[in-house]
Every structure is written in C-alpha cells, then in structure tokens.
Protein backbone atom coordinates (compact mmCIF):
# COMPACT_ATOMS: atom_id res chain seq x y z
CA MET A 1 35.21 27.76 -7.93
CA ARG A 2 36.60 26.72 -10.77
CA SER A 3 33.66 24.73 -12.56
CA ALA A 4 30.49 23.87 -12.60
CA ASP A 5 30.64 20.04 -10.16
CA ASP A 6 33.19 22.80 -7.49
CA TYR A 7 29.43 24.69 -7.74
CA MET A 8 27.25 21.27 -7.67
CA GLU A 9 29.54 19.52 -4.81
CA ALA A 10 29.56 22.59 -2.32
CA ALA A 11 25.43 23.63 -2.52
CA GLN A 12 25.15 19.48 -2.11
CA LEU A 13 27.09 19.70 0.92
CA SER A 14 25.73 23.39 2.19
CA LEU A 15 22.56 20.55 1.70
CA GLN A 16 23.46 18.01 3.27
CA ALA A 17 24.51 19.95 6.33
CA GLY A 18 21.36 22.35 6.49
CA PHE A 19 22.25 24.67 4.55
CA PRO A 20 20.00 25.32 1.91
CA ALA A 21 20.73 29.27 2.22
CA GLU A 22 23.90 28.81 1.49
CA ALA A 23 22.92 25.84 -1.08
CA LYS A 24 20.46 28.37 -2.97
CA LYS A 25 24.24 31.09 -2.69
CA PHE A 26 26.41 28.34 -4.25
CA VAL A 27 24.10 27.60 -6.62
CA ASP A 28 22.99 31.09 -7.89
CA ALA A 29 26.68 32.05 -7.90
CA GLY A 30 27.43 29.02 -10.13
CA TYR A 31 24.87 30.35 -13.02
CA ALA A 32 26.39 33.72 -12.30
CA ALA A 33 29.65 32.97 -13.31
CA GLY A 34 28.20 31.28 -16.80
CA LEU A 35 29.05 27.70 -16.00
CA LEU A 36 25.81 26.01 -14.29
CA GLY A 37 22.26 25.20 -17.19
CA LYS A 38 24.50 25.18 -20.25
CA GLY A 39 25.57 21.75 -20.97
CA PRO A 40 24.85 17.62 -20.49
CA ASP A 41 24.42 18.45 -17.11
CA ALA A 42 22.15 21.28 -18.11
CA GLU A 43 19.16 19.48 -16.99
CA ARG A 44 20.90 18.72 -13.28
CA HIS A 45 22.11 21.42 -11.74
CA LYS A 46 18.23 22.89 -12.69
CA ARG A 47 17.54 20.01 -10.39
CA LEU A 48 18.96 21.16 -7.17
CA LYS A 49 18.12 24.74 -8.06
CA ALA A 50 15.22 24.00 -7.46
CA LEU A 51 15.29 21.94 -4.00
CA ALA A 52 17.79 24.16 -2.84
CA LEU A 53 15.16 26.38 -3.80
CA LYS A 54 12.21 23.78 -2.46
CA ASP A 55 14.76 23.38 0.94
CA LEU A 56 15.20 27.30 1.52
CA ALA A 57 11.52 27.45 1.42
CA GLU A 58 10.85 24.91 4.05
CA ASP A 59 13.06 26.88 6.39
CA ASP A 60 11.38 30.23 6.03
CA LYS A 61 8.46 28.22 7.08
CA THR A 62 10.71 26.89 10.13
CA LEU A 63 12.52 29.46 11.26
CA GLY A 64 12.81 30.36 14.97
CA GLN A 65 10.28 27.56 16.06
CA ASP A 66 12.54 26.47 18.04
CA ASP A 67 14.45 29.05 19.12
CA ALA A 68 13.96 28.00 23.61
CA GLN A 69 15.24 24.83 22.01
CA VAL A 70 17.95 25.83 20.41
CA ALA A 71 19.27 28.36 23.51
CA ALA A 72 18.16 26.00 25.78
CA ALA A 73 20.40 22.93 24.69
CA LYS A 74 23.30 20.97 25.72
CA ASP A 75 26.16 22.19 23.74
CA GLY A 76 27.05 24.82 21.29
CA THR A 77 25.87 23.56 18.44
CA PRO A 78 22.32 23.59 17.72
CA LEU A 79 23.07 27.34 18.23
CA VAL A 80 25.43 27.54 16.28
CA ASN A 81 24.13 26.52 13.21
CA ALA A 82 21.03 28.17 14.48
CA GLY A 83 22.24 31.41 13.76
CA LEU A 84 24.64 29.83 11.24
CA ASN A 85 20.92 30.34 9.33
CA TYR A 86 20.01 32.77 10.41
CA VAL A 87 23.47 35.15 8.88
CA LEU A 88 23.03 33.00 5.08
CA GLN A 89 19.18 34.39 5.18
CA GLY A 90 19.65 37.96 5.46
CA ARG A 91 18.89 37.77 9.29
CA ALA A 92 21.62 38.23 11.88
CA ASP A 93 20.10 40.69 14.21
CA LYS A 94 18.32 38.03 16.29
CA ASP A 95 19.05 38.58 19.71
CA TRP A 96 19.15 35.04 21.62
CA ARG A 97 18.49 36.29 24.79
C-alpha cells in the first residue's frame, strides 16, 4: 500500500465483499501509516471508517446466527465466507462440527 487511495479501495472492496473486519483493518492501517485522515479527502476517509465500524458492529450482532444453514449449504462458499469472518474477528477457534 502506497497511497491513501490504496487503503480506501481495499477497505471499500472488503465492505462490498461483506468483510467489515477486514475493511476496518485496512482503514486502521491507513491511519497508522499517516495516509488517511489528512488532506482534501479527510472527510471521506472519516465516513469510510464510520461505515466500516457500523458494518462491523452489525456483523458482531449477527455472527453465528446462521451457522447451521451455512454448514448445511450445498457448496462451500458460505462456509468459507463465514469462516473468514470468524478469523478476521479473532474467533478462529470456531468448531463447525
């Protein structure tokens, strides 16, 4: 990541894919690198951070509610996505058995 745009794009793509924890990590890294929160786009950076935090809070509330359906899905995509959400939120010890 070399620019504020890199961090913004990565965070936006993460949000679009349904991974707000990952988006928050990109936003936090951009702020830590001193690339976000400054300049003419500082307000835009702030809005993206707020959106990532809002989506993450919603994700925290619903995480685990559909685990039975995810585990029974016909293909592995929902299971992979749910598992990645657990990992990104620091809950990698989830047992799917």
